[in-house]
Amino acid sequence: MKAVAAFFFLGLVVIAFSVDDEIPEGVNCPAQDPENATHVPHPTNCNLFYTCSGGWPILSSCPAGLHFNAELEVCDWPDSANCTASAED
């Protein structure tokens, strides 16, 4: 039973460390975290955005029906968000 638990744990560790460590093209996170979180739009999907942490983007999504408003850095109604990327949900 210990061997099964160890194998399962090892699998979780491999999954956790196999995250793609490349910053997507068009996503610019500041190298240092400012006092407040920085959020940047996804380059091709209005429903998605990135929260920057330590210079690295963390993918997030808006609730269904909302788009990321890059000016206000919040999820907003599509008419107010003025997103020019695709409108995929």
N, C-alpha and C. Protein backbone atom coordinates (compact mmCIF):
# COMPACT_ATOMS: atom_id res chain seq x y z
N MET A 1 0.82 -1.20 0.00
CA MET A 1 0.00 0.00 0.00
C MET A 1 0.87 1.26 0.00
N LYS A 2 2.00 1.22 0.73
CA LYS A 2 2.90 2.37 0.75
C LYS A 2 3.46 2.64 -0.64
N ALA A 3 3.73 1.58 -1.39
CA ALA A 3 4.28 1.75 -2.74
C ALA A 3 3.26 2.45 -3.65
N VAL A 4 2.00 2.10 -3.52
CA VAL A 4 0.95 2.73 -4.32
C VAL A 4 0.83 4.20 -3.96
N ALA A 5 0.85 4.51 -2.67
CA ALA A 5 0.76 5.90 -2.21
C ALA A 5 1.97 6.70 -2.69
N ALA A 6 3.16 6.11 -2.63
CA ALA A 6 4.37 6.79 -3.09
C ALA A 6 4.30 7.05 -4.59
N PHE A 7 3.84 6.07 -5.36
CA PHE A 7 3.72 6.23 -6.81
C PHE A 7 2.72 7.33 -7.14
N PHE A 8 1.58 7.37 -6.43
CA PHE A 8 0.57 8.39 -6.63
C PHE A 8 1.14 9.77 -6.32
N PHE A 9 1.86 9.90 -5.21
CA PHE A 9 2.47 11.17 -4.83
C PHE A 9 3.48 11.62 -5.87
N LEU A 10 4.30 10.69 -6.36
CA LEU A 10 5.30 11.01 -7.38
C LEU A 10 4.61 11.51 -8.65
N GLY A 11 3.49 10.90 -9.00
CA GLY A 11 2.73 11.35 -10.17
C GLY A 11 2.24 12.77 -10.01
N LEU A 12 1.77 13.13 -8.81
CA LEU A 12 1.33 14.50 -8.55
C LEU A 12 2.47 15.49 -8.66
N VAL A 13 3.64 15.11 -8.17
CA VAL A 13 4.81 15.98 -8.23
C VAL A 13 5.21 16.22 -9.68
N VAL A 14 5.20 15.18 -10.49
CA VAL A 14 5.55 15.31 -11.91
C VAL A 14 4.57 16.23 -12.61
N ILE A 15 3.29 16.08 -12.34
CA ILE A 15 2.28 16.94 -12.95
C ILE A 15 2.48 18.38 -12.52
N ALA A 16 2.75 18.60 -11.24
CA ALA A 16 2.92 19.96 -10.72
C ALA A 16 4.11 20.67 -11.35
N PHE A 17 5.17 19.95 -11.65
CA PHE A 17 6.37 20.57 -12.19
C PHE A 17 6.49 20.47 -13.70
N SER A 18 5.46 19.99 -14.38
CA SER A 18 5.52 19.90 -15.83
C SER A 18 4.76 21.05 -16.48
N VAL A 19 4.49 22.11 -15.72
CA VAL A 19 3.80 23.28 -16.26
C VAL A 19 4.71 23.98 -17.25
N ASP A 20 4.14 24.42 -18.36
CA ASP A 20 4.89 25.14 -19.38
C ASP A 20 5.42 26.43 -18.78
N ASP A 21 6.74 26.62 -18.80
CA ASP A 21 7.33 27.80 -18.17
C ASP A 21 7.63 28.91 -19.17
N GLU A 22 6.97 28.88 -20.31
CA GLU A 22 7.13 29.94 -21.31
C GLU A 22 6.02 30.96 -21.15
N ILE A 23 6.38 32.24 -21.21
CA ILE A 23 5.38 33.29 -21.16
C ILE A 23 4.76 33.41 -22.54
N PRO A 24 3.42 33.36 -22.62
CA PRO A 24 2.78 33.44 -23.93
C PRO A 24 3.12 34.74 -24.67
N GLU A 25 3.22 34.65 -25.97
CA GLU A 25 3.52 35.82 -26.79
C GLU A 25 2.43 36.87 -26.62
N GLY A 26 2.83 38.11 -26.44
CA GLY A 26 1.87 39.20 -26.28
C GLY A 26 1.47 39.47 -24.84
N VAL A 27 1.99 38.67 -23.89
CA VAL A 27 1.67 38.87 -22.47
C VAL A 27 2.90 39.46 -21.79
N ASN A 28 2.74 40.67 -21.26
CA ASN A 28 3.86 41.37 -20.63
C ASN A 28 3.59 41.62 -19.16
N CYS A 29 4.20 40.80 -18.31
CA CYS A 29 4.08 40.98 -16.87
C CYS A 29 5.30 41.73 -16.37
N PRO A 30 5.11 42.64 -15.40
CA PRO A 30 6.27 43.32 -14.83
C PRO A 30 7.16 42.32 -14.08
N ALA A 31 8.47 42.52 -14.13
CA ALA A 31 9.41 41.61 -13.48
C ALA A 31 9.22 41.60 -11.97
N GLN A 32 8.90 42.75 -11.40
CA GLN A 32 8.67 42.86 -9.96
C GLN A 32 7.19 43.11 -9.72
N ASP A 33 6.63 42.49 -8.69
CA ASP A 33 5.23 42.72 -8.37
C ASP A 33 5.06 44.12 -7.79
N PRO A 34 4.14 44.90 -8.37
CA PRO A 34 3.84 46.20 -7.78
C PRO A 34 3.01 46.01 -6.51
N GLU A 35 2.67 47.10 -5.85
CA GLU A 35 1.89 47.02 -4.62
C GLU A 35 0.56 46.32 -4.85
N ASN A 36 -0.07 46.59 -5.99
CA ASN A 36 -1.34 45.95 -6.34
C ASN A 36 -1.09 44.96 -7.47
N ALA A 37 -1.91 43.92 -7.53
CA ALA A 37 -1.76 42.91 -8.58
C ALA A 37 -1.91 43.53 -9.96
N THR A 38 -1.18 42.97 -10.91
CA THR A 38 -1.28 43.41 -12.30
C THR A 38 -2.02 42.33 -13.07
N HIS A 39 -3.00 42.75 -13.85
CA HIS A 39 -3.78 41.84 -14.69
C HIS A 39 -3.63 42.29 -16.13
N VAL A 40 -3.37 41.34 -17.02
CA VAL A 40 -3.20 41.67 -18.44
C VAL A 40 -4.13 40.80 -19.27
N PRO A 41 -4.62 41.32 -20.38
CA PRO A 41 -5.55 40.55 -21.20
C PRO A 41 -4.88 39.39 -21.93
N HIS A 42 -5.65 38.37 -22.20
CA HIS A 42 -5.21 37.27 -23.06
C HIS A 42 -5.19 37.82 -24.48
N PRO A 43 -4.18 37.50 -25.28
CA PRO A 43 -4.10 38.10 -26.62
C PRO A 43 -5.17 37.67 -27.60
N THR A 44 -5.84 36.53 -27.39
CA THR A 44 -6.79 36.05 -28.39
C THR A 44 -8.16 35.69 -27.85
N ASN A 45 -8.40 35.84 -26.54
CA ASN A 45 -9.67 35.41 -25.96
C ASN A 45 -10.14 36.44 -24.94
N CYS A 46 -11.26 37.11 -25.22
CA CYS A 46 -11.79 38.17 -24.35
C CYS A 46 -12.20 37.66 -22.97
N ASN A 47 -12.52 36.39 -22.85
CA ASN A 47 -12.96 35.81 -21.58
C ASN A 47 -11.79 35.53 -20.64
N LEU A 48 -10.56 35.48 -21.18
CA LEU A 48 -9.39 35.11 -20.38
C LEU A 48 -8.51 36.33 -20.09
N PHE A 49 -7.74 36.21 -19.01
CA PHE A 49 -6.76 37.23 -18.65
C PHE A 49 -5.68 36.58 -17.79
N TYR A 50 -4.60 37.29 -17.56
CA TYR A 50 -3.51 36.78 -16.74
C TYR A 50 -3.34 37.65 -15.52
N THR A 51 -3.11 37.02 -14.37
CA THR A 51 -2.71 37.71 -13.16
C THR A 51 -1.21 37.51 -13.04
N CYS A 52 -0.45 38.60 -12.95
CA CYS A 52 1.01 38.50 -12.91
C CYS A 52 1.49 38.29 -11.48
N SER A 53 2.43 37.37 -11.33
CA SER A 53 3.01 37.08 -10.02
C SER A 53 4.49 36.81 -10.22
N GLY A 54 5.33 37.68 -9.69
CA GLY A 54 6.77 37.49 -9.82
C GLY A 54 7.23 37.51 -11.26
N GLY A 55 6.54 38.24 -12.11
CA GLY A 55 6.91 38.31 -13.52
C GLY A 55 6.33 37.21 -14.37
N TRP A 56 5.57 36.28 -13.78
CA TRP A 56 5.00 35.16 -14.52
C TRP A 56 3.49 35.28 -14.58
N PRO A 57 2.88 34.99 -15.73
CA PRO A 57 1.43 35.08 -15.86
C PRO A 57 0.72 33.82 -15.37
N ILE A 58 -0.38 34.03 -14.66
CA ILE A 58 -1.23 32.93 -14.20
C ILE A 58 -2.57 33.11 -14.91
N LEU A 59 -2.94 32.13 -15.73
CA LEU A 59 -4.16 32.22 -16.54
C LEU A 59 -5.40 32.17 -15.65
N SER A 60 -6.31 33.10 -15.91
CA SER A 60 -7.60 33.16 -15.20
C SER A 60 -8.69 33.39 -16.23
N SER A 61 -9.94 33.20 -15.82
CA SER A 61 -11.04 33.47 -16.74
C SER A 61 -12.13 34.26 -16.03
N CYS A 62 -12.86 35.00 -16.83
CA CYS A 62 -14.00 35.75 -16.33
C CYS A 62 -15.20 34.81 -16.24
N PRO A 63 -16.17 35.13 -15.40
CA PRO A 63 -17.40 34.33 -15.38
C PRO A 63 -18.08 34.37 -16.76
N ALA A 64 -18.86 33.35 -17.04
CA ALA A 64 -19.55 33.25 -18.33
C ALA A 64 -20.31 34.53 -18.65
N GLY A 65 -20.15 35.00 -19.88
CA GLY A 65 -20.86 36.17 -20.34
C GLY A 65 -20.12 37.48 -20.12
N LEU A 66 -19.00 37.45 -19.41
CA LEU A 66 -18.22 38.66 -19.16
C LEU A 66 -16.91 38.61 -19.93
N HIS A 67 -16.36 39.77 -20.21
CA HIS A 67 -15.06 39.91 -20.88
C HIS A 67 -14.11 40.67 -19.97
N PHE A 68 -12.81 40.48 -20.19
CA PHE A 68 -11.82 41.20 -19.40
C PHE A 68 -11.70 42.63 -19.92
N ASN A 69 -11.82 43.59 -19.03
CA ASN A 69 -11.67 45.00 -19.35
C ASN A 69 -10.23 45.38 -18.99
N ALA A 70 -9.37 45.54 -20.00
CA ALA A 70 -7.94 45.80 -19.77
C ALA A 70 -7.70 47.16 -19.12
N GLU A 71 -8.56 48.13 -19.40
CA GLU A 71 -8.38 49.47 -18.83
C GLU A 71 -8.62 49.46 -17.32
N LEU A 72 -9.67 48.77 -16.89
CA LEU A 72 -10.01 48.71 -15.47
C LEU A 72 -9.41 47.50 -14.75
N GLU A 73 -8.90 46.53 -15.53
CA GLU A 73 -8.34 45.27 -15.02
C GLU A 73 -9.36 44.49 -14.21
N VAL A 74 -10.58 44.39 -14.76
CA VAL A 74 -11.66 43.63 -14.13
C VAL A 74 -12.48 42.94 -15.22
N CYS A 75 -13.30 41.96 -14.82
CA CYS A 75 -14.26 41.36 -15.73
C CYS A 75 -15.45 42.31 -15.81
N ASP A 76 -15.96 42.48 -17.03
CA ASP A 76 -16.96 43.51 -17.27
C ASP A 76 -17.92 43.02 -18.35
N TRP A 77 -19.03 43.73 -18.52
CA TRP A 77 -19.95 43.42 -19.60
C TRP A 77 -19.25 43.64 -20.94
N PRO A 78 -19.51 42.80 -21.92
CA PRO A 78 -18.82 42.92 -23.22
C PRO A 78 -18.89 44.32 -23.83
N ASP A 79 -20.03 45.00 -23.73
CA ASP A 79 -20.14 46.35 -24.30
C ASP A 79 -19.23 47.35 -23.61
N SER A 80 -18.93 47.11 -22.34
CA SER A 80 -18.08 48.03 -21.58
C SER A 80 -16.61 47.65 -21.63
N ALA A 81 -16.34 46.36 -21.88
CA ALA A 81 -14.95 45.89 -21.83
C ALA A 81 -14.12 46.36 -23.02
N ASN A 82 -14.77 46.59 -24.15
CA ASN A 82 -14.06 47.03 -25.37
C ASN A 82 -12.91 46.11 -25.76
N CYS A 83 -13.14 44.81 -25.64
CA CYS A 83 -12.12 43.84 -26.01
C CYS A 83 -12.09 43.70 -27.52
N THR A 84 -10.87 43.68 -28.08
CA THR A 84 -10.72 43.54 -29.53
C THR A 84 -10.30 42.13 -29.94
N ALA A 85 -10.04 41.27 -28.97
CA ALA A 85 -9.70 39.87 -29.27
C ALA A 85 -10.99 39.12 -29.58
N SER A 86 -10.91 37.81 -29.73
CA SER A 86 -12.10 37.02 -29.98
C SER A 86 -13.00 37.05 -28.76
N ALA A 87 -14.23 36.69 -28.93
CA ALA A 87 -15.20 36.72 -27.83
C ALA A 87 -15.53 35.32 -27.33
N GLU A 88 -14.57 34.41 -27.38
CA GLU A 88 -14.83 33.03 -26.98
C GLU A 88 -15.07 32.94 -25.48
N ASP A 89 -16.01 32.12 -25.08
CA ASP A 89 -16.27 31.87 -23.66
C ASP A 89 -15.81 30.50 -23.30
